[in-house]
Amino acid sequence: MPVELPRADPGTGTRTDLSRDVELAVEGDGPWCAVVWNDPVNLMSYVVFVFRRYFGYSRLVAEQLMMQVHEEGRAIVSRGSRERVETDVQAMHSFGLQATLERAGQD
């Protein structure tokens, strides 16, 4: 089940503001994280599409997360209970993205 997330205002954010939006977007109520990993197969535009479609992230937040995956090799895309995050990881797999489950604080 997708997580309810705040929307970024496309005309007002700076890169710093976007980083804060990303942090707020992936906040959750549990000790588990869904991590999406960089891969040589999926286009950046497709990763943005998946983040927007499944999680409901704004274009700016989805692009910021995609760039984090691209530049750092991974990004935390959701947090919450184990069951909810397992569902998110499976959804990422169904879209063809590499994703794993891990405890919060292990990144």
PDB file of N, CA and C in Angstrom:
ATOM      1  N   MET A   1       0.842  -1.170   0.000  1.00  0.00           N
ATOM      2  CA  MET A   1       0.000   0.000   0.000  1.00  0.00           C
ATOM      3  C   MET A   1       0.891   1.238   0.000  1.00  0.00           C
ATOM      4  N   PRO A   2       0.660   2.182  -0.909  1.00  0.00           N
ATOM      5  CA  PRO A   2       1.468   3.396  -0.954  1.00  0.00           C
ATOM      6  C   PRO A   2       1.304   4.235   0.308  1.00  0.00           C
ATOM      7  N   VAL A   3       2.327   5.004   0.603  1.00  0.00           N
ATOM      8  CA  VAL A   3       2.367   5.840   1.786  1.00  0.00           C
ATOM      9  C   VAL A   3       1.853   7.232   1.438  1.00  0.00           C
ATOM     10  N   GLU A   4       1.056   7.837   2.318  1.00  0.00           N
ATOM     11  CA  GLU A   4       0.628   9.214   2.124  1.00  0.00           C
ATOM     12  C   GLU A   4       1.825  10.138   2.319  1.00  0.00           C
ATOM     13  N   LEU A   5       2.084  11.018   1.356  1.00  0.00           N
ATOM     14  CA  LEU A   5       3.270  11.850   1.400  1.00  0.00           C
ATOM     15  C   LEU A   5       2.957  13.300   1.132  1.00  0.00           C
ATOM     16  N   PRO A   6       3.776  14.199   1.684  1.00  0.00           N
ATOM     17  CA  PRO A   6       3.601  15.609   1.367  1.00  0.00           C
ATOM     18  C   PRO A   6       4.023  15.862  -0.069  1.00  0.00           C
ATOM     19  N   ARG A   7       3.432  16.854  -0.687  1.00  0.00           N
ATOM     20  CA  ARG A   7       3.763  17.224  -2.064  1.00  0.00           C
ATOM     21  C   ARG A   7       4.708  18.422  -2.051  1.00  0.00           C
ATOM     22  N   ALA A   8       5.698  18.382  -2.921  1.00  0.00           N
ATOM     23  CA  ALA A   8       6.599  19.520  -3.063  1.00  0.00           C
ATOM     24  C   ALA A   8       5.970  20.514  -4.026  1.00  0.00           C
ATOM     25  N   ASP A   9       6.171  21.793  -3.796  1.00  0.00           N
ATOM     26  CA  ASP A   9       5.704  22.831  -4.702  1.00  0.00           C
ATOM     27  C   ASP A   9       6.763  23.004  -5.783  1.00  0.00           C
ATOM     28  N   PRO A  10       6.452  22.675  -7.046  1.00  0.00           N
ATOM     29  CA  PRO A  10       7.492  22.627  -8.065  1.00  0.00           C
ATOM     30  C   PRO A  10       8.185  23.950  -8.334  1.00  0.00           C
ATOM     31  N   GLY A  11       7.566  25.064  -8.021  1.00  0.00           N
ATOM     32  CA  GLY A  11       8.180  26.329  -8.375  1.00  0.00           C
ATOM     33  C   GLY A  11       8.967  27.007  -7.275  1.00  0.00           C
ATOM     34  N   THR A  12       9.041  26.433  -6.079  1.00  0.00           N
ATOM     35  CA  THR A  12       9.619  27.197  -4.984  1.00  0.00           C
ATOM     36  C   THR A  12      10.833  26.581  -4.316  1.00  0.00           C
ATOM     37  N   GLY A  13      11.139  25.322  -4.578  1.00  0.00           N
ATOM     38  CA  GLY A  13      12.181  24.651  -3.806  1.00  0.00           C
ATOM     39  C   GLY A  13      13.585  24.857  -4.342  1.00  0.00           C
ATOM     40  N   THR A  14      14.508  24.975  -3.432  1.00  0.00           N
ATOM     41  CA  THR A  14      15.920  24.917  -3.795  1.00  0.00           C
ATOM     42  C   THR A  14      16.381  23.500  -3.540  1.00  0.00           C
ATOM     43  N   ARG A  15      17.630  23.186  -3.883  1.00  0.00           N
ATOM     44  CA  ARG A  15      18.124  21.828  -3.639  1.00  0.00           C
ATOM     45  C   ARG A  15      18.063  21.501  -2.150  1.00  0.00           C
ATOM     46  N   THR A  16      18.378  22.454  -1.277  1.00  0.00           N
ATOM     47  CA  THR A  16      18.304  22.224   0.164  1.00  0.00           C
ATOM     48  C   THR A  16      16.868  21.945   0.577  1.00  0.00           C
ATOM     49  N   ASP A  17      15.924  22.731   0.053  1.00  0.00           N
ATOM     50  CA  ASP A  17      14.520  22.503   0.377  1.00  0.00           C
ATOM     51  C   ASP A  17      14.086  21.124  -0.092  1.00  0.00           C
ATOM     52  N   LEU A  18      14.552  20.703  -1.257  1.00  0.00           N
ATOM     53  CA  LEU A  18      14.188  19.390  -1.771  1.00  0.00           C
ATOM     54  C   LEU A  18      14.725  18.293  -0.881  1.00  0.00           C
ATOM     55  N   SER A  19      15.931  18.440  -0.370  1.00  0.00           N
ATOM     56  CA  SER A  19      16.485  17.429   0.529  1.00  0.00           C
ATOM     57  C   SER A  19      15.586  17.273   1.747  1.00  0.00           C
ATOM     58  N   ARG A  20      15.091  18.371   2.271  1.00  0.00           N
ATOM     59  CA  ARG A  20      14.177  18.321   3.414  1.00  0.00           C
ATOM     60  C   ARG A  20      12.878  17.647   3.014  1.00  0.00           C
ATOM     61  N   ASP A  21      12.350  17.959   1.808  1.00  0.00           N
ATOM     62  CA  ASP A  21      11.136  17.314   1.326  1.00  0.00           C
ATOM     63  C   ASP A  21      11.325  15.812   1.210  1.00  0.00           C
ATOM     64  N   VAL A  22      12.494  15.385   0.744  1.00  0.00           N
ATOM     65  CA  VAL A  22      12.767  13.954   0.620  1.00  0.00           C
ATOM     66  C   VAL A  22      12.779  13.309   1.996  1.00  0.00           C
ATOM     67  N   GLU A  23      13.433  13.953   2.965  1.00  0.00           N
ATOM     68  CA  GLU A  23      13.462  13.411   4.325  1.00  0.00           C
ATOM     69  C   GLU A  23      12.047  13.286   4.878  1.00  0.00           C
ATOM     70  N   LEU A  24      11.211  14.296   4.674  1.00  0.00           N
ATOM     71  CA  LEU A  24       9.837  14.248   5.163  1.00  0.00           C
ATOM     72  C   LEU A  24       9.037  13.182   4.435  1.00  0.00           C
ATOM     73  N   ALA A  25       9.282  13.030   3.137  1.00  0.00           N
ATOM     74  CA  ALA A  25       8.508  12.091   2.334  1.00  0.00           C
ATOM     75  C   ALA A  25       8.725  10.652   2.766  1.00  0.00           C
ATOM     76  N   VAL A  26       9.930  10.297   3.189  1.00  0.00           N
ATOM     77  CA  VAL A  26      10.201   8.901   3.524  1.00  0.00           C
ATOM     78  C   VAL A  26      10.092   8.611   5.013  1.00  0.00           C
ATOM     79  N   GLU A  27       9.659   9.594   5.808  1.00  0.00           N
ATOM     80  CA  GLU A  27       9.449   9.337   7.226  1.00  0.00           C
ATOM     81  C   GLU A  27       8.333   8.329   7.398  1.00  0.00           C
ATOM     82  N   GLY A  28       8.457   7.493   8.386  1.00  0.00           N
ATOM     83  CA  GLY A  28       7.428   6.508   8.658  1.00  0.00           C
ATOM     84  C   GLY A  28       7.313   6.238  10.137  1.00  0.00           C
ATOM     85  N   ASP A  29       6.484   5.271  10.465  1.00  0.00           N
ATOM     86  CA  ASP A  29       6.181   4.992  11.858  1.00  0.00           C
ATOM     87  C   ASP A  29       6.823   3.713  12.373  1.00  0.00           C
ATOM     88  N   GLY A  30       7.861   3.248  11.730  1.00  0.00           N
ATOM     89  CA  GLY A  30       8.448   1.996  12.184  1.00  0.00           C
ATOM     90  C   GLY A  30       9.949   1.950  11.961  1.00  0.00           C
ATOM     91  N   PRO A  31      10.552   0.873  12.420  1.00  0.00           N
ATOM     92  CA  PRO A  31      12.010   0.766  12.382  1.00  0.00           C
ATOM     93  C   PRO A  31      12.562   0.114  11.111  1.00  0.00           C
ATOM     94  N   TRP A  32      11.785   0.044  10.040  1.00  0.00           N
ATOM     95  CA  TRP A  32      12.229  -0.627   8.820  1.00  0.00           C
ATOM     96  C   TRP A  32      12.290   0.346   7.652  1.00  0.00           C
ATOM     97  N   CYS A  33      13.201   0.080   6.716  1.00  0.00           N
ATOM     98  CA  CYS A  33      13.398   0.937   5.543  1.00  0.00           C
ATOM     99  C   CYS A  33      13.400   0.093   4.279  1.00  0.00           C
ATOM    100  N   ALA A  34      12.839   0.656   3.217  1.00  0.00           N
ATOM    101  CA  ALA A  34      12.977   0.069   1.883  1.00  0.00           C
ATOM    102  C   ALA A  34      14.081   0.849   1.180  1.00  0.00           C
ATOM    103  N   VAL A  35      15.090   0.126   0.707  1.00  0.00           N
ATOM    104  CA  VAL A  35      16.230   0.741   0.033  1.00  0.00           C
ATOM    105  C   VAL A  35      16.199   0.326  -1.437  1.00  0.00           C
ATOM    106  N   VAL A  36      16.262   1.310  -2.330  1.00  0.00           N
ATOM    107  CA  VAL A  36      16.378   1.030  -3.760  1.00  0.00           C
ATOM    108  C   VAL A  36      17.838   1.230  -4.137  1.00  0.00           C
ATOM    109  N   TRP A  37      18.365   0.273  -4.909  1.00  0.00           N
ATOM    110  CA  TRP A  37      19.773   0.252  -5.286  1.00  0.00           C
ATOM    111  C   TRP A  37      19.950   0.639  -6.747  1.00  0.00           C
ATOM    112  N   ASN A  38      21.087   1.236  -7.049  1.00  0.00           N
ATOM    113  CA  ASN A  38      21.420   1.579  -8.418  1.00  0.00           C
ATOM    114  C   ASN A  38      21.618   0.302  -9.229  1.00  0.00           C
ATOM    115  N   ASP A  39      21.251   0.368 -10.492  1.00  0.00           N
ATOM    116  CA  ASP A  39      21.490  -0.757 -11.388  1.00  0.00           C
ATOM    117  C   ASP A  39      21.813  -0.216 -12.778  1.00  0.00           C
ATOM    118  N   PRO A  40      22.438  -1.010 -13.611  1.00  0.00           N
ATOM    119  CA  PRO A  40      22.822  -0.545 -14.941  1.00  0.00           C
ATOM    120  C   PRO A  40      21.713  -0.702 -15.984  1.00  0.00           C
ATOM    121  N   VAL A  41      20.526  -1.108 -15.569  1.00  0.00           N
ATOM    122  CA  VAL A  41      19.476  -1.460 -16.519  1.00  0.00           C
ATOM    123  C   VAL A  41      18.416  -0.372 -16.668  1.00  0.00           C
ATOM    124  N   ASN A  42      17.882   0.106 -15.567  1.00  0.00           N
ATOM    125  CA  ASN A  42      16.731   1.008 -15.616  1.00  0.00           C
ATOM    126  C   ASN A  42      17.140   2.450 -15.882  1.00  0.00           C
ATOM    127  N   LEU A  43      16.380   3.099 -16.760  1.00  0.00           N
ATOM    128  CA  LEU A  43      16.613   4.510 -17.059  1.00  0.00           C
ATOM    129  C   LEU A  43      16.214   5.367 -15.864  1.00  0.00           C
ATOM    130  N   MET A  44      16.889   6.502 -15.710  1.00  0.00           N
ATOM    131  CA  MET A  44      16.574   7.407 -14.610  1.00  0.00           C
ATOM    132  C   MET A  44      15.128   7.875 -14.701  1.00  0.00           C
ATOM    133  N   SER A  45      14.642   8.137 -15.902  1.00  0.00           N
ATOM    134  CA  SER A  45      13.263   8.586 -16.070  1.00  0.00           C
ATOM    135  C   SER A  45      12.272   7.507 -15.616  1.00  0.00           C
ATOM    136  N   TYR A  46      12.620   6.243 -15.821  1.00  0.00           N
ATOM    137  CA  TYR A  46      11.753   5.159 -15.382  1.00  0.00           C
ATOM    138  C   TYR A  46      11.719   5.068 -13.856  1.00  0.00           C
ATOM    139  N   VAL A  47      12.861   5.242 -13.213  1.00  0.00           N
ATOM    140  CA  VAL A  47      12.917   5.204 -11.750  1.00  0.00           C
ATOM    141  C   VAL A  47      12.049   6.328 -11.180  1.00  0.00           C
ATOM    142  N   VAL A  48      12.128   7.523 -11.762  1.00  0.00           N
ATOM    143  CA  VAL A  48      11.273   8.637 -11.333  1.00  0.00           C
ATOM    144  C   VAL A  48       9.805   8.251 -11.506  1.00  0.00           C
ATOM    145  N   PHE A  49       9.472   7.669 -12.652  1.00  0.00           N
ATOM    146  CA  PHE A  49       8.101   7.230 -12.907  1.00  0.00           C
ATOM    147  C   PHE A  49       7.621   6.268 -11.815  1.00  0.00           C
ATOM    148  N   VAL A  50       8.441   5.283 -11.478  1.00  0.00           N
ATOM    149  CA  VAL A  50       8.062   4.290 -10.464  1.00  0.00           C
ATOM    150  C   VAL A  50       7.829   4.968  -9.120  1.00  0.00           C
ATOM    151  N   PHE A  51       8.732   5.852  -8.706  1.00  0.00           N
ATOM    152  CA  PHE A  51       8.586   6.525  -7.410  1.00  0.00           C
ATOM    153  C   PHE A  51       7.320   7.373  -7.376  1.00  0.00           C
ATOM    154  N   ARG A  52       7.014   8.023  -8.477  1.00  0.00           N
ATOM    155  CA  ARG A  52       5.800   8.850  -8.528  1.00  0.00           C
ATOM    156  C   ARG A  52       4.555   7.976  -8.546  1.00  0.00           C
ATOM    157  N   ARG A  53       4.589   6.929  -9.345  1.00  0.00           N
ATOM    158  CA  ARG A  53       3.420   6.072  -9.519  1.00  0.00           C
ATOM    159  C   ARG A  53       3.092   5.298  -8.248  1.00  0.00           C
ATOM    160  N   TYR A  54       4.078   4.648  -7.660  1.00  0.00           N
ATOM    161  CA  TYR A  54       3.819   3.787  -6.511  1.00  0.00           C
ATOM    162  C   TYR A  54       3.696   4.571  -5.206  1.00  0.00           C
ATOM    163  N   PHE A  55       4.658   5.441  -4.933  1.00  0.00           N
ATOM    164  CA  PHE A  55       4.661   6.146  -3.655  1.00  0.00           C
ATOM    165  C   PHE A  55       3.847   7.434  -3.677  1.00  0.00           C
ATOM    166  N   GLY A  56       3.563   7.954  -4.856  1.00  0.00           N
ATOM    167  CA  GLY A  56       2.831   9.211  -4.958  1.00  0.00           C
ATOM    168  C   GLY A  56       3.699  10.432  -4.698  1.00  0.00           C
ATOM    169  N   TYR A  57       5.027  10.262  -4.820  1.00  0.00           N
ATOM    170  CA  TYR A  57       5.929  11.386  -4.612  1.00  0.00           C
ATOM    171  C   TYR A  57       5.742  12.427  -5.698  1.00  0.00           C
ATOM    172  N   SER A  58       5.978  13.683  -5.339  1.00  0.00           N
ATOM    173  CA  SER A  58       5.975  14.740  -6.347  1.00  0.00           C
ATOM    174  C   SER A  58       7.133  14.493  -7.305  1.00  0.00           C
ATOM    175  N   ARG A  59       7.101  15.136  -8.453  1.00  0.00           N
ATOM    176  CA  ARG A  59       8.172  14.981  -9.432  1.00  0.00           C
ATOM    177  C   ARG A  59       9.511  15.361  -8.824  1.00  0.00           C
ATOM    178  N   LEU A  60       9.545  16.447  -8.072  1.00  0.00           N
ATOM    179  CA  LEU A  60      10.804  16.911  -7.493  1.00  0.00           C
ATOM    180  C   LEU A  60      11.368  15.934  -6.464  1.00  0.00           C
ATOM    181  N   VAL A  61      10.530  15.402  -5.617  1.00  0.00           N
ATOM    182  CA  VAL A  61      10.993  14.439  -4.617  1.00  0.00           C
ATOM    183  C   VAL A  61      11.456  13.163  -5.310  1.00  0.00           C
ATOM    184  N   ALA A  62      10.697  12.688  -6.286  1.00  0.00           N
ATOM    185  CA  ALA A  62      11.073  11.475  -7.014  1.00  0.00           C
ATOM    186  C   ALA A  62      12.408  11.663  -7.731  1.00  0.00           C
ATOM    187  N   GLU A  63      12.621  12.831  -8.333  1.00  0.00           N
ATOM    188  CA  GLU A  63      13.891  13.104  -9.013  1.00  0.00           C
ATOM    189  C   GLU A  63      15.049  13.160  -8.023  1.00  0.00           C
ATOM    190  N   GLN A  64      14.821  13.751  -6.866  1.00  0.00           N
ATOM    191  CA  GLN A  64      15.867  13.828  -5.849  1.00  0.00           C
ATOM    192  C   GLN A  64      16.253  12.422  -5.369  1.00  0.00           C
ATOM    193  N   LEU A  65      15.271  11.583  -5.134  1.00  0.00           N
ATOM    194  CA  LEU A  65      15.555  10.213  -4.713  1.00  0.00           C
ATOM    195  C   LEU A  65      16.279   9.446  -5.816  1.00  0.00           C
ATOM    196  N   MET A  66      15.848   9.626  -7.054  1.00  0.00           N
ATOM    197  CA  MET A  66      16.513   8.961  -8.174  1.00  0.00           C
ATOM    198  C   MET A  66      17.972   9.397  -8.267  1.00  0.00           C
ATOM    199  N   MET A  67      18.246  10.688  -8.091  1.00  0.00           N
ATOM    200  CA  MET A  67      19.626  11.168  -8.149  1.00  0.00           C
ATOM    201  C   MET A  67      20.453  10.604  -7.001  1.00  0.00           C
ATOM    202  N   GLN A  68      19.836  10.433  -5.839  1.00  0.00           N
ATOM    203  CA  GLN A  68      20.547   9.817  -4.720  1.00  0.00           C
ATOM    204  C   GLN A  68      20.905   8.367  -5.060  1.00  0.00           C
ATOM    205  N   VAL A  69      19.976   7.653  -5.654  1.00  0.00           N
ATOM    206  CA  VAL A  69      20.263   6.281  -6.092  1.00  0.00           C
ATOM    207  C   VAL A  69      21.404   6.297  -7.101  1.00  0.00           C
ATOM    208  N   HIS A  70      21.341   7.193  -8.066  1.00  0.00           N
ATOM    209  CA  HIS A  70      22.343   7.263  -9.129  1.00  0.00           C
ATOM    210  C   HIS A  70      23.727   7.641  -8.604  1.00  0.00           C
ATOM    211  N   GLU A  71      23.785   8.654  -7.745  1.00  0.00           N
ATOM    212  CA  GLU A  71      25.072   9.179  -7.277  1.00  0.00           C
ATOM    213  C   GLU A  71      25.652   8.410  -6.090  1.00  0.00           C
ATOM    214  N   GLU A  72      24.803   7.962  -5.176  1.00  0.00           N
ATOM    215  CA  GLU A  72      25.284   7.290  -3.965  1.00  0.00           C
ATOM    216  C   GLU A  72      25.125   5.774  -4.022  1.00  0.00           C
ATOM    217  N   GLY A  73      24.429   5.290  -5.036  1.00  0.00           N
ATOM    218  CA  GLY A  73      24.248   3.862  -5.199  1.00  0.00           C
ATOM    219  C   GLY A  73      23.021   3.295  -4.525  1.00  0.00           C
ATOM    220  N   ARG A  74      22.339   4.095  -3.710  1.00  0.00           N
ATOM    221  CA  ARG A  74      21.150   3.641  -2.989  1.00  0.00           C
ATOM    222  C   ARG A  74      20.393   4.828  -2.418  1.00  0.00           C
ATOM    223  N   ALA A  75      19.131   4.603  -2.111  1.00  0.00           N
ATOM    224  CA  ALA A  75      18.317   5.614  -1.429  1.00  0.00           C
ATOM    225  C   ALA A  75      17.225   4.910  -0.643  1.00  0.00           C
ATOM    226  N   ILE A  76      16.939   5.438   0.528  1.00  0.00           N
ATOM    227  CA  ILE A  76      15.808   4.948   1.314  1.00  0.00           C
ATOM    228  C   ILE A  76      14.562   5.609   0.742  1.00  0.00           C
ATOM    229  N   VAL A  77      13.610   4.787   0.302  1.00  0.00           N
ATOM    230  CA  VAL A  77      12.417   5.321  -0.347  1.00  0.00           C
ATOM    231  C   VAL A  77      11.163   5.219   0.509  1.00  0.00           C
ATOM    232  N   SER A  78      11.213   4.418   1.577  1.00  0.00           N
ATOM    233  CA  SER A  78      10.090   4.386   2.515  1.00  0.00           C
ATOM    234  C   SER A  78      10.558   3.848   3.849  1.00  0.00           C
ATOM    235  N   ARG A  79       9.822   4.180   4.880  1.00  0.00           N
ATOM    236  CA  ARG A  79      10.069   3.706   6.237  1.00  0.00           C
ATOM    237  C   ARG A  79       8.732   3.319   6.839  1.00  0.00           C
ATOM    238  N   GLY A  80       8.780   2.375   7.774  1.00  0.00           N
ATOM    239  CA  GLY A  80       7.543   2.004   8.442  1.00  0.00           C
ATOM    240  C   GLY A  80       7.637   0.647   9.085  1.00  0.00           C
ATOM    241  N   SER A  81       6.466   0.057   9.284  1.00  0.00           N
ATOM    242  CA  SER A  81       6.410  -1.281   9.875  1.00  0.00           C
ATOM    243  C   SER A  81       7.024  -2.279   8.894  1.00  0.00           C
ATOM    244  N   ARG A  82       7.472  -3.393   9.424  1.00  0.00           N
ATOM    245  CA  ARG A  82       8.093  -4.414   8.571  1.00  0.00           C
ATOM    246  C   ARG A  82       7.141  -4.858   7.456  1.00  0.00           C
ATOM    247  N   GLU A  83       5.884  -5.093   7.796  1.00  0.00           N
ATOM    248  CA  GLU A  83       4.915  -5.569   6.811  1.00  0.00           C
ATOM    249  C   GLU A  83       4.724  -4.558   5.678  1.00  0.00           C
ATOM    250  N   ARG A  84       4.588  -3.283   6.029  1.00  0.00           N
ATOM    251  CA  ARG A  84       4.375  -2.262   4.999  1.00  0.00           C
ATOM    252  C   ARG A  84       5.606  -2.120   4.120  1.00  0.00           C
ATOM    253  N   VAL A  85       6.788  -2.126   4.735  1.00  0.00           N
ATOM    254  CA  VAL A  85       8.015  -1.951   3.966  1.00  0.00           C
ATOM    255  C   VAL A  85       8.295  -3.179   3.105  1.00  0.00           C
ATOM    256  N   GLU A  86       7.972  -4.372   3.600  1.00  0.00           N
ATOM    257  CA  GLU A  86       8.101  -5.571   2.766  1.00  0.00           C
ATOM    258  C   GLU A  86       7.226  -5.448   1.515  1.00  0.00           C
ATOM    259  N   THR A  87       6.036  -4.897   1.676  1.00  0.00           N
ATOM    260  CA  THR A  87       5.149  -4.669   0.535  1.00  0.00           C
ATOM    261  C   THR A  87       5.782  -3.687  -0.444  1.00  0.00           C
ATOM    262  N   ASP A  88       6.400  -2.628   0.080  1.00  0.00           N
ATOM    263  CA  ASP A  88       7.071  -1.656  -0.786  1.00  0.00           C
ATOM    264  C   ASP A  88       8.230  -2.293  -1.554  1.00  0.00           C
ATOM    265  N   VAL A  89       9.016  -3.123  -0.879  1.00  0.00           N
ATOM    266  CA  VAL A  89      10.148  -3.800  -1.531  1.00  0.00           C
ATOM    267  C   VAL A  89       9.630  -4.712  -2.636  1.00  0.00           C
ATOM    268  N   GLN A  90       8.589  -5.484  -2.355  1.00  0.00           N
ATOM    269  CA  GLN A  90       8.016  -6.362  -3.381  1.00  0.00           C
ATOM    270  C   GLN A  90       7.487  -5.555  -4.564  1.00  0.00           C
ATOM    271  N   ALA A  91       6.893  -4.407  -4.275  1.00  0.00           N
ATOM    272  CA  ALA A  91       6.399  -3.554  -5.360  1.00  0.00           C
ATOM    273  C   ALA A  91       7.552  -3.063  -6.228  1.00  0.00           C
ATOM    274  N   MET A  92       8.662  -2.675  -5.597  1.00  0.00           N
ATOM    275  CA  MET A  92       9.825  -2.227  -6.374  1.00  0.00           C
ATOM    276  C   MET A  92      10.334  -3.369  -7.255  1.00  0.00           C
ATOM    277  N   HIS A  93      10.341  -4.590  -6.730  1.00  0.00           N
ATOM    278  CA  HIS A  93      10.742  -5.756  -7.521  1.00  0.00           C
ATOM    279  C   HIS A  93       9.803  -5.945  -8.709  1.00  0.00           C
ATOM    280  N   SER A  94       8.507  -5.746  -8.479  1.00  0.00           N
ATOM    281  CA  SER A  94       7.536  -5.935  -9.567  1.00  0.00           C
ATOM    282  C   SER A  94       7.732  -4.905 -10.675  1.00  0.00           C
ATOM    283  N   PHE A  95       8.295  -3.746 -10.340  1.00  0.00           N
ATOM    284  CA  PHE A  95       8.618  -2.724 -11.341  1.00  0.00           C
ATOM    285  C   PHE A  95      10.000  -2.950 -11.959  1.00  0.00           C
ATOM    286  N   GLY A  96      10.717  -3.968 -11.481  1.00  0.00           N
ATOM    287  CA  GLY A  96      12.028  -4.274 -12.029  1.00  0.00           C
ATOM    288  C   GLY A  96      13.180  -3.541 -11.371  1.00  0.00           C
ATOM    289  N   LEU A  97      12.936  -2.920 -10.210  1.00  0.00           N
ATOM    290  CA  LEU A  97      13.994  -2.220  -9.485  1.00  0.00           C
ATOM    291  C   LEU A  97      14.586  -3.145  -8.422  1.00  0.00           C
ATOM    292  N   GLN A  98      15.867  -2.962  -8.136  1.00  0.00           N
ATOM    293  CA  GLN A  98      16.513  -3.717  -7.069  1.00  0.00           C
ATOM    294  C   GLN A  98      16.230  -2.997  -5.754  1.00  0.00           C
ATOM    295  N   ALA A  99      15.661  -3.716  -4.796  1.00  0.00           N
ATOM    296  CA  ALA A  99      15.319  -3.123  -3.510  1.00  0.00           C
ATOM    297  C   ALA A  99      15.515  -4.153  -2.405  1.00  0.00           C
ATOM    298  N   THR A 100      15.831  -3.647  -1.216  1.00  0.00           N
ATOM    299  CA  THR A 100      15.992  -4.516  -0.055  1.00  0.00           C
ATOM    300  C   THR A 100      15.325  -3.882   1.159  1.00  0.00           C
ATOM    301  N   LEU A 101      15.135  -4.723   2.146  1.00  0.00           N
ATOM    302  CA  LEU A 101      14.568  -4.314   3.426  1.00  0.00           C
ATOM    303  C   LEU A 101      15.695  -4.251   4.433  1.00  0.00           C
ATOM    304  N   GLU A 102      15.723  -3.215   5.248  1.00  0.00           N
ATOM    305  CA  GLU A 102      16.705  -3.177   6.325  1.00  0.00           C
ATOM    306  C   GLU A 102      16.174  -2.386   7.503  1.00  0.00           C
ATOM    307  N   ARG A 103      16.756  -2.623   8.663  1.00  0.00           N
ATOM    308  CA  ARG A 103      16.372  -1.860   9.853  1.00  0.00           C
ATOM    309  C   ARG A 103      16.833  -0.430   9.707  1.00  0.00           C
ATOM    310  N   ALA A 104      16.015   0.503  10.186  1.00  0.00           N
ATOM    311  CA  ALA A 104      16.389   1.917  10.167  1.00  0.00           C
ATOM    312  C   ALA A 104      17.652   2.108  10.983  1.00  0.00           C
ATOM    313  N   GLY A 105      18.502   3.027  10.548  1.00  0.00           N
ATOM    314  CA  GLY A 105      19.725   3.305  11.259  1.00  0.00           C
ATOM    315  C   GLY A 105      20.909   2.472  10.806  1.00  0.00           C
ATOM    316  N   GLN A 106      20.714   1.571   9.858  1.00  0.00           N
ATOM    317  CA  GLN A 106      21.801   0.756   9.357  1.00  0.00           C
ATOM    318  C   GLN A 106      22.335   1.259   8.028  1.00  0.00           C
ATOM    319  N   ASP A 107      21.975   2.491   7.645  1.00  0.00           N
ATOM    320  CA  ASP A 107      22.428   3.023   6.358  1.00  0.00           C
ATOM    321  C   ASP A 107      23.637   3.853   6.461  1.00  0.00           C
TER     322      ASP A 107
END
